[in-house]
Amino acid sequence: PDNLPTWYTLQPGAWVNYKTYTGPVYKTKGPFWSGVFDPTQVTISQVGMGTLIFESFEKGAFTYTIDGITATKQISRLPY
């Protein structure tokens, strides 16, 4: 909503079975990378849960709930 870049990570998840990985989603925000690094400006907070389900080696889906918003994104392997 504030139009600023934000990093989201799915960690420390766990494999439920051979094709499903699930875990908490964290949001990490901090200062612009080109300046002097100040670790006190970095914040990390859990904002939801996510699940990766692989249908095959080429495709799958990422389902998540972040800050109360639930969605599913189809994912596919990039060809070389």
PDB file of N, CA and C in Angstrom:
ATOM      1  N   PRO A   1       0.797  -1.215   0.000  1.00  0.00           N
ATOM      2  CA  PRO A   1       0.000   0.000   0.000  1.00  0.00           C
ATOM      3  C   PRO A   1       0.842   1.282   0.000  1.00  0.00           C
ATOM      4  N   ASP A   2       2.065   1.214   0.580  1.00  0.00           N
ATOM      5  CA  ASP A   2       2.908   2.411   0.623  1.00  0.00           C
ATOM      6  C   ASP A   2       3.818   2.519  -0.597  1.00  0.00           C
ATOM      7  N   ASN A   3       3.677   1.569  -1.539  1.00  0.00           N
ATOM      8  CA  ASN A   3       4.427   1.575  -2.799  1.00  0.00           C
ATOM      9  C   ASN A   3       5.934   1.440  -2.605  1.00  0.00           C
ATOM     10  N   LEU A   4       6.362   0.839  -1.502  1.00  0.00           N
ATOM     11  CA  LEU A   4       7.775   0.610  -1.247  1.00  0.00           C
ATOM     12  C   LEU A   4       8.089  -0.873  -1.400  1.00  0.00           C
ATOM     13  N   PRO A   5       9.294  -1.199  -1.869  1.00  0.00           N
ATOM     14  CA  PRO A   5       9.642  -2.614  -2.021  1.00  0.00           C
ATOM     15  C   PRO A   5       9.692  -3.318  -0.666  1.00  0.00           C
ATOM     16  N   THR A   6       9.202  -4.542  -0.649  1.00  0.00           N
ATOM     17  CA  THR A   6       9.171  -5.345   0.566  1.00  0.00           C
ATOM     18  C   THR A   6       9.540  -6.778   0.210  1.00  0.00           C
ATOM     19  N   TRP A   7      10.355  -7.415   1.048  1.00  0.00           N
ATOM     20  CA  TRP A   7      10.739  -8.811   0.834  1.00  0.00           C
ATOM     21  C   TRP A   7       9.875  -9.716   1.695  1.00  0.00           C
ATOM     22  N   TYR A   8       9.362 -10.783   1.076  1.00  0.00           N
ATOM     23  CA  TYR A   8       8.611 -11.805   1.797  1.00  0.00           C
ATOM     24  C   TYR A   8       9.366 -13.123   1.667  1.00  0.00           C
ATOM     25  N   THR A   9       9.445 -13.866   2.759  1.00  0.00           N
ATOM     26  CA  THR A   9      10.103 -15.169   2.729  1.00  0.00           C
ATOM     27  C   THR A   9       9.214 -16.216   3.374  1.00  0.00           C
ATOM     28  N   LEU A  10       9.318 -17.431   2.888  1.00  0.00           N
ATOM     29  CA  LEU A  10       8.574 -18.572   3.412  1.00  0.00           C
ATOM     30  C   LEU A  10       9.577 -19.410   4.205  1.00  0.00           C
ATOM     31  N   GLN A  11       9.586 -19.230   5.533  1.00  0.00           N
ATOM     32  CA  GLN A  11      10.581 -19.913   6.358  1.00  0.00           C
ATOM     33  C   GLN A  11      10.156 -19.915   7.815  1.00  0.00           C
ATOM     34  N   PRO A  12      10.569 -20.738   8.644  1.00  0.00           N
ATOM     35  CA  PRO A  12      11.261 -21.994   8.379  1.00  0.00           C
ATOM     36  C   PRO A  12      10.232 -23.087   8.131  1.00  0.00           C
ATOM     37  N   GLY A  13       9.849 -23.274   6.930  1.00  0.00           N
ATOM     38  CA  GLY A  13       8.801 -24.225   6.573  1.00  0.00           C
ATOM     39  C   GLY A  13       9.228 -25.668   6.739  1.00  0.00           C
ATOM     40  N   ALA A  14       8.316 -26.548   6.351  1.00  0.00           N
ATOM     41  CA  ALA A  14       8.572 -27.984   6.446  1.00  0.00           C
ATOM     42  C   ALA A  14       7.855 -28.698   5.308  1.00  0.00           C
ATOM     43  N   TRP A  15       8.448 -29.790   4.874  1.00  0.00           N
ATOM     44  CA  TRP A  15       7.816 -30.637   3.865  1.00  0.00           C
ATOM     45  C   TRP A  15       6.737 -31.481   4.547  1.00  0.00           C
ATOM     46  N   VAL A  16       5.496 -31.378   4.053  1.00  0.00           N
ATOM     47  CA  VAL A  16       4.379 -32.172   4.561  1.00  0.00           C
ATOM     48  C   VAL A  16       4.417 -33.549   3.920  1.00  0.00           C
ATOM     49  N   ASN A  17       4.730 -33.571   2.636  1.00  0.00           N
ATOM     50  CA  ASN A  17       4.946 -34.800   1.872  1.00  0.00           C
ATOM     51  C   ASN A  17       5.905 -34.446   0.737  1.00  0.00           C
ATOM     52  N   TYR A  18       6.094 -35.347  -0.222  1.00  0.00           N
ATOM     53  CA  TYR A  18       7.100 -35.128  -1.263  1.00  0.00           C
ATOM     54  C   TYR A  18       6.791 -33.966  -2.207  1.00  0.00           C
ATOM     55  N   LYS A  19       5.577 -33.433  -2.192  1.00  0.00           N
ATOM     56  CA  LYS A  19       5.256 -32.341  -3.111  1.00  0.00           C
ATOM     57  C   LYS A  19       4.668 -31.094  -2.441  1.00  0.00           C
ATOM     58  N   THR A  20       4.578 -31.065  -1.110  1.00  0.00           N
ATOM     59  CA  THR A  20       3.961 -29.947  -0.408  1.00  0.00           C
ATOM     60  C   THR A  20       4.901 -29.388   0.653  1.00  0.00           C
ATOM     61  N   TYR A  21       5.166 -28.083   0.557  1.00  0.00           N
ATOM     62  CA  TYR A  21       6.009 -27.369   1.518  1.00  0.00           C
ATOM     63  C   TYR A  21       5.186 -26.232   2.102  1.00  0.00           C
ATOM     64  N   THR A  22       5.158 -26.104   3.419  1.00  0.00           N
ATOM     65  CA  THR A  22       4.321 -25.086   4.037  1.00  0.00           C
ATOM     66  C   THR A  22       5.039 -24.455   5.236  1.00  0.00           C
ATOM     67  N   GLY A  23       4.689 -23.204   5.535  1.00  0.00           N
ATOM     68  CA  GLY A  23       5.305 -22.540   6.671  1.00  0.00           C
ATOM     69  C   GLY A  23       4.864 -21.098   6.791  1.00  0.00           C
ATOM     70  N   PRO A  24       5.404 -20.411   7.795  1.00  0.00           N
ATOM     71  CA  PRO A  24       5.056 -19.005   8.010  1.00  0.00           C
ATOM     72  C   PRO A  24       5.708 -18.094   6.971  1.00  0.00           C
ATOM     73  N   VAL A  25       5.033 -17.002   6.656  1.00  0.00           N
ATOM     74  CA  VAL A  25       5.557 -15.979   5.750  1.00  0.00           C
ATOM     75  C   VAL A  25       5.993 -14.786   6.602  1.00  0.00           C
ATOM     76  N   TYR A  26       7.228 -14.335   6.351  1.00  0.00           N
ATOM     77  CA  TYR A  26       7.767 -13.183   7.063  1.00  0.00           C
ATOM     78  C   TYR A  26       7.980 -12.021   6.105  1.00  0.00           C
ATOM     79  N   LYS A  27       7.770 -10.808   6.610  1.00  0.00           N
ATOM     80  CA  LYS A  27       8.024  -9.585   5.858  1.00  0.00           C
ATOM     81  C   LYS A  27       9.271  -8.938   6.441  1.00  0.00           C
ATOM     82  N   THR A  28      10.210  -8.591   5.566  1.00  0.00           N
ATOM     83  CA  THR A  28      11.443  -7.932   5.990  1.00  0.00           C
ATOM     84  C   THR A  28      11.525  -6.580   5.307  1.00  0.00           C
ATOM     85  N   LYS A  29      11.732  -5.536   6.088  1.00  0.00           N
ATOM     86  CA  LYS A  29      11.872  -4.181   5.559  1.00  0.00           C
ATOM     87  C   LYS A  29      13.127  -3.564   6.163  1.00  0.00           C
ATOM     88  N   GLY A  30      13.754  -2.683   5.387  1.00  0.00           N
ATOM     89  CA  GLY A  30      14.949  -2.030   5.897  1.00  0.00           C
ATOM     90  C   GLY A  30      15.368  -0.874   5.011  1.00  0.00           C
ATOM     91  N   PRO A  31      16.539  -0.330   5.291  1.00  0.00           N
ATOM     92  CA  PRO A  31      17.011   0.830   4.549  1.00  0.00           C
ATOM     93  C   PRO A  31      17.428   0.473   3.125  1.00  0.00           C
ATOM     94  N   PHE A  32      17.494   1.467   2.280  1.00  0.00           N
ATOM     95  CA  PHE A  32      17.947   1.309   0.905  1.00  0.00           C
ATOM     96  C   PHE A  32      19.352   0.739   0.907  1.00  0.00           C
ATOM     97  N   TRP A  33      19.633  -0.181   0.012  1.00  0.00           N
ATOM     98  CA  TRP A  33      20.875  -0.949   0.034  1.00  0.00           C
ATOM     99  C   TRP A  33      22.135  -0.171  -0.298  1.00  0.00           C
ATOM    100  N   SER A  34      22.055   0.985  -0.925  1.00  0.00           N
ATOM    101  CA  SER A  34      23.278   1.661  -1.368  1.00  0.00           C
ATOM    102  C   SER A  34      23.900   2.563  -0.300  1.00  0.00           C
ATOM    103  N   GLY A  35      23.196   2.779   0.801  1.00  0.00           N
ATOM    104  CA  GLY A  35      23.737   3.643   1.854  1.00  0.00           C
ATOM    105  C   GLY A  35      24.507   2.847   2.894  1.00  0.00           C
ATOM    106  N   VAL A  36      24.848   3.499   3.958  1.00  0.00           N
ATOM    107  CA  VAL A  36      25.503   2.839   5.078  1.00  0.00           C
ATOM    108  C   VAL A  36      24.472   1.946   5.771  1.00  0.00           C
ATOM    109  N   PHE A  37      24.840   0.690   6.010  1.00  0.00           N
ATOM    110  CA  PHE A  37      23.896  -0.251   6.602  1.00  0.00           C
ATOM    111  C   PHE A  37      23.714   0.022   8.089  1.00  0.00           C
ATOM    112  N   ASP A  38      22.453   0.142   8.494  1.00  0.00           N
ATOM    113  CA  ASP A  38      22.108   0.333   9.900  1.00  0.00           C
ATOM    114  C   ASP A  38      21.147  -0.787  10.296  1.00  0.00           C
ATOM    115  N   PRO A  39      21.637  -1.821  10.992  1.00  0.00           N
ATOM    116  CA  PRO A  39      20.784  -2.960  11.324  1.00  0.00           C
ATOM    117  C   PRO A  39      19.597  -2.607  12.211  1.00  0.00           C
ATOM    118  N   THR A  40      19.634  -1.481  12.893  1.00  0.00           N
ATOM    119  CA  THR A  40      18.495  -1.101  13.735  1.00  0.00           C
ATOM    120  C   THR A  40      17.286  -0.687  12.901  1.00  0.00           C
ATOM    121  N   GLN A  41      17.485  -0.427  11.594  1.00  0.00           N
ATOM    122  CA  GLN A  41      16.377  -0.051  10.714  1.00  0.00           C
ATOM    123  C   GLN A  41      15.725  -1.255  10.041  1.00  0.00           C
ATOM    124  N   VAL A  42      16.236  -2.456  10.283  1.00  0.00           N
ATOM    125  CA  VAL A  42      15.687  -3.674   9.689  1.00  0.00           C
ATOM    126  C   VAL A  42      14.620  -4.242  10.619  1.00  0.00           C
ATOM    127  N   THR A  43      13.452  -4.534  10.038  1.00  0.00           N
ATOM    128  CA  THR A  43      12.376  -5.149  10.815  1.00  0.00           C
ATOM    129  C   THR A  43      11.936  -6.437  10.131  1.00  0.00           C
ATOM    130  N   ILE A  44      11.627  -7.437  10.934  1.00  0.00           N
ATOM    131  CA  ILE A  44      11.151  -8.723  10.436  1.00  0.00           C
ATOM    132  C   ILE A  44       9.918  -9.084  11.248  1.00  0.00           C
ATOM    133  N   SER A  45       8.816  -9.413  10.549  1.00  0.00           N
ATOM    134  CA  SER A  45       7.600  -9.781  11.268  1.00  0.00           C
ATOM    135  C   SER A  45       6.829 -10.832  10.490  1.00  0.00           C
ATOM    136  N   GLN A  46       6.219 -11.768  11.230  1.00  0.00           N
ATOM    137  CA  GLN A  46       5.391 -12.777  10.580  1.00  0.00           C
ATOM    138  C   GLN A  46       4.089 -12.126  10.152  1.00  0.00           C
ATOM    139  N   VAL A  47       3.715 -12.348   8.870  1.00  0.00           N
ATOM    140  CA  VAL A  47       2.512 -11.710   8.335  1.00  0.00           C
ATOM    141  C   VAL A  47       1.498 -12.701   7.786  1.00  0.00           C
ATOM    142  N   GLY A  48       1.811 -14.000   7.850  1.00  0.00           N
ATOM    143  CA  GLY A  48       0.858 -14.976   7.338  1.00  0.00           C
ATOM    144  C   GLY A  48       1.452 -16.354   7.203  1.00  0.00           C
ATOM    145  N   MET A  49       0.800 -17.160   6.350  1.00  0.00           N
ATOM    146  CA  MET A  49       1.221 -18.531   6.082  1.00  0.00           C
ATOM    147  C   MET A  49       1.217 -18.759   4.574  1.00  0.00           C
ATOM    148  N   GLY A  50       2.068 -19.684   4.120  1.00  0.00           N
ATOM    149  CA  GLY A  50       2.119 -20.002   2.705  1.00  0.00           C
ATOM    150  C   GLY A  50       2.341 -21.478   2.475  1.00  0.00           C
ATOM    151  N   THR A  51       1.883 -21.968   1.319  1.00  0.00           N
ATOM    152  CA  THR A  51       2.048 -23.375   0.951  1.00  0.00           C
ATOM    153  C   THR A  51       2.406 -23.470  -0.517  1.00  0.00           C
ATOM    154  N   LEU A  52       3.480 -24.200  -0.798  1.00  0.00           N
ATOM    155  CA  LEU A  52       3.859 -24.538  -2.171  1.00  0.00           C
ATOM    156  C   LEU A  52       3.436 -25.969  -2.440  1.00  0.00           C
ATOM    157  N   ILE A  53       2.701 -26.185  -3.527  1.00  0.00           N
ATOM    158  CA  ILE A  53       2.306 -27.531  -3.929  1.00  0.00           C
ATOM    159  C   ILE A  53       2.797 -27.744  -5.354  1.00  0.00           C
ATOM    160  N   PHE A  54       3.669 -28.723  -5.531  1.00  0.00           N
ATOM    161  CA  PHE A  54       4.240 -29.009  -6.842  1.00  0.00           C
ATOM    162  C   PHE A  54       3.434 -30.110  -7.517  1.00  0.00           C
ATOM    163  N   GLU A  55       2.850 -29.780  -8.680  1.00  0.00           N
ATOM    164  CA  GLU A  55       2.084 -30.755  -9.447  1.00  0.00           C
ATOM    165  C   GLU A  55       3.013 -31.669 -10.232  1.00  0.00           C
ATOM    166  N   SER A  56       4.155 -31.135 -10.636  1.00  0.00           N
ATOM    167  CA  SER A  56       5.145 -31.877 -11.416  1.00  0.00           C
ATOM    168  C   SER A  56       6.476 -31.155 -11.265  1.00  0.00           C
ATOM    169  N   PHE A  57       7.486 -31.603 -12.006  1.00  0.00           N
ATOM    170  CA  PHE A  57       8.777 -30.911 -11.980  1.00  0.00           C
ATOM    171  C   PHE A  57       8.699 -29.557 -12.683  1.00  0.00           C
ATOM    172  N   GLU A  58       7.675 -29.339 -13.490  1.00  0.00           N
ATOM    173  CA  GLU A  58       7.562 -28.111 -14.268  1.00  0.00           C
ATOM    174  C   GLU A  58       6.595 -27.080 -13.709  1.00  0.00           C
ATOM    175  N   LYS A  59       5.624 -27.489 -12.889  1.00  0.00           N
ATOM    176  CA  LYS A  59       4.630 -26.518 -12.449  1.00  0.00           C
ATOM    177  C   LYS A  59       4.090 -26.826 -11.060  1.00  0.00           C
ATOM    178  N   GLY A  60       3.487 -25.798 -10.479  1.00  0.00           N
ATOM    179  CA  GLY A  60       2.903 -25.925  -9.152  1.00  0.00           C
ATOM    180  C   GLY A  60       2.086 -24.697  -8.827  1.00  0.00           C
ATOM    181  N   ALA A  61       1.811 -24.518  -7.540  1.00  0.00           N
ATOM    182  CA  ALA A  61       1.015 -23.370  -7.096  1.00  0.00           C
ATOM    183  C   ALA A  61       1.518 -22.916  -5.729  1.00  0.00           C
ATOM    184  N   PHE A  62       1.453 -21.618  -5.512  1.00  0.00           N
ATOM    185  CA  PHE A  62       1.790 -21.023  -4.227  1.00  0.00           C
ATOM    186  C   PHE A  62       0.518 -20.388  -3.683  1.00  0.00           C
ATOM    187  N   THR A  63       0.006 -20.916  -2.580  1.00  0.00           N
ATOM    188  CA  THR A  63      -1.188 -20.381  -1.927  1.00  0.00           C
ATOM    189  C   THR A  63      -0.737 -19.720  -0.628  1.00  0.00           C
ATOM    190  N   TYR A  64      -1.239 -18.521  -0.391  1.00  0.00           N
ATOM    191  CA  TYR A  64      -0.788 -17.791   0.784  1.00  0.00           C
ATOM    192  C   TYR A  64      -1.910 -16.929   1.353  1.00  0.00           C
ATOM    193  N   THR A  65      -1.741 -16.612   2.635  1.00  0.00           N
ATOM    194  CA  THR A  65      -2.530 -15.587   3.294  1.00  0.00           C
ATOM    195  C   THR A  65      -1.531 -14.630   3.924  1.00  0.00           C
ATOM    196  N   ILE A  66      -1.527 -13.378   3.451  1.00  0.00           N
ATOM    197  CA  ILE A  66      -0.616 -12.350   3.953  1.00  0.00           C
ATOM    198  C   ILE A  66      -1.449 -11.139   4.338  1.00  0.00           C
ATOM    199  N   ASP A  67      -1.314 -10.727   5.572  1.00  0.00           N
ATOM    200  CA  ASP A  67      -2.071  -9.577   6.099  1.00  0.00           C
ATOM    201  C   ASP A  67      -3.565  -9.701   5.808  1.00  0.00           C
ATOM    202  N   GLY A  68      -4.094 -10.919   5.958  1.00  0.00           N
ATOM    203  CA  GLY A  68      -5.518 -11.164   5.779  1.00  0.00           C
ATOM    204  C   GLY A  68      -5.972 -11.348   4.342  1.00  0.00           C
ATOM    205  N   ILE A  69      -5.069 -11.263   3.379  1.00  0.00           N
ATOM    206  CA  ILE A  69      -5.418 -11.442   1.960  1.00  0.00           C
ATOM    207  C   ILE A  69      -4.965 -12.826   1.523  1.00  0.00           C
ATOM    208  N   THR A  70      -5.886 -13.616   0.980  1.00  0.00           N
ATOM    209  CA  THR A  70      -5.590 -14.963   0.522  1.00  0.00           C
ATOM    210  C   THR A  70      -5.600 -14.999  -0.999  1.00  0.00           C
ATOM    211  N   ALA A  71      -4.604 -15.666  -1.570  1.00  0.00           N
ATOM    212  CA  ALA A  71      -4.530 -15.788  -3.026  1.00  0.00           C
ATOM    213  C   ALA A  71      -3.729 -17.031  -3.381  1.00  0.00           C
ATOM    214  N   THR A  72      -3.843 -17.427  -4.650  1.00  0.00           N
ATOM    215  CA  THR A  72      -3.057 -18.531  -5.199  1.00  0.00           C
ATOM    216  C   THR A  72      -2.420 -18.055  -6.481  1.00  0.00           C
ATOM    217  N   LYS A  73      -1.128 -18.310  -6.622  1.00  0.00           N
ATOM    218  CA  LYS A  73      -0.374 -17.962  -7.823  1.00  0.00           C
ATOM    219  C   LYS A  73       0.156 -19.244  -8.446  1.00  0.00           C
ATOM    220  N   GLN A  74      -0.097 -19.409  -9.736  1.00  0.00           N
ATOM    221  CA  GLN A  74       0.460 -20.538 -10.458  1.00  0.00           C
ATOM    222  C   GLN A  74       1.943 -20.256 -10.730  1.00  0.00           C
ATOM    223  N   ILE A  75       2.782 -21.252 -10.569  1.00  0.00           N
ATOM    224  CA  ILE A  75       4.207 -21.088 -10.813  1.00  0.00           C
ATOM    225  C   ILE A  75       4.678 -22.129 -11.817  1.00  0.00           C
ATOM    226  N   SER A  76       5.706 -21.812 -12.562  1.00  0.00           N
ATOM    227  CA  SER A  76       6.267 -22.771 -13.528  1.00  0.00           C
ATOM    228  C   SER A  76       7.772 -22.587 -13.622  1.00  0.00           C
ATOM    229  N   ARG A  77       8.433 -23.659 -13.960  1.00  0.00           N
ATOM    230  CA  ARG A  77       9.870 -23.639 -14.109  1.00  0.00           C
ATOM    231  C   ARG A  77      10.238 -22.830 -15.338  1.00  0.00           C
ATOM    232  N   LEU A  78      11.285 -22.017 -15.211  1.00  0.00           N
ATOM    233  CA  LEU A  78      11.758 -21.252 -16.347  1.00  0.00           C
ATOM    234  C   LEU A  78      12.596 -22.138 -17.257  1.00  0.00           C
ATOM    235  N   PRO A  79      12.316 -22.142 -18.548  1.00  0.00           N
ATOM    236  CA  PRO A  79      13.138 -22.963 -19.455  1.00  0.00           C
ATOM    237  C   PRO A  79      14.519 -22.319 -19.644  1.00  0.00           C
ATOM    238  N   TYR A  80      15.514 -23.148 -19.829  1.00  0.00           N
ATOM    239  CA  TYR A  80      16.869 -22.647 -20.080  1.00  0.00           C
ATOM    240  C   TYR A  80      17.088 -22.451 -21.549  1.00  0.00           C
TER     241      TYR A  80
END
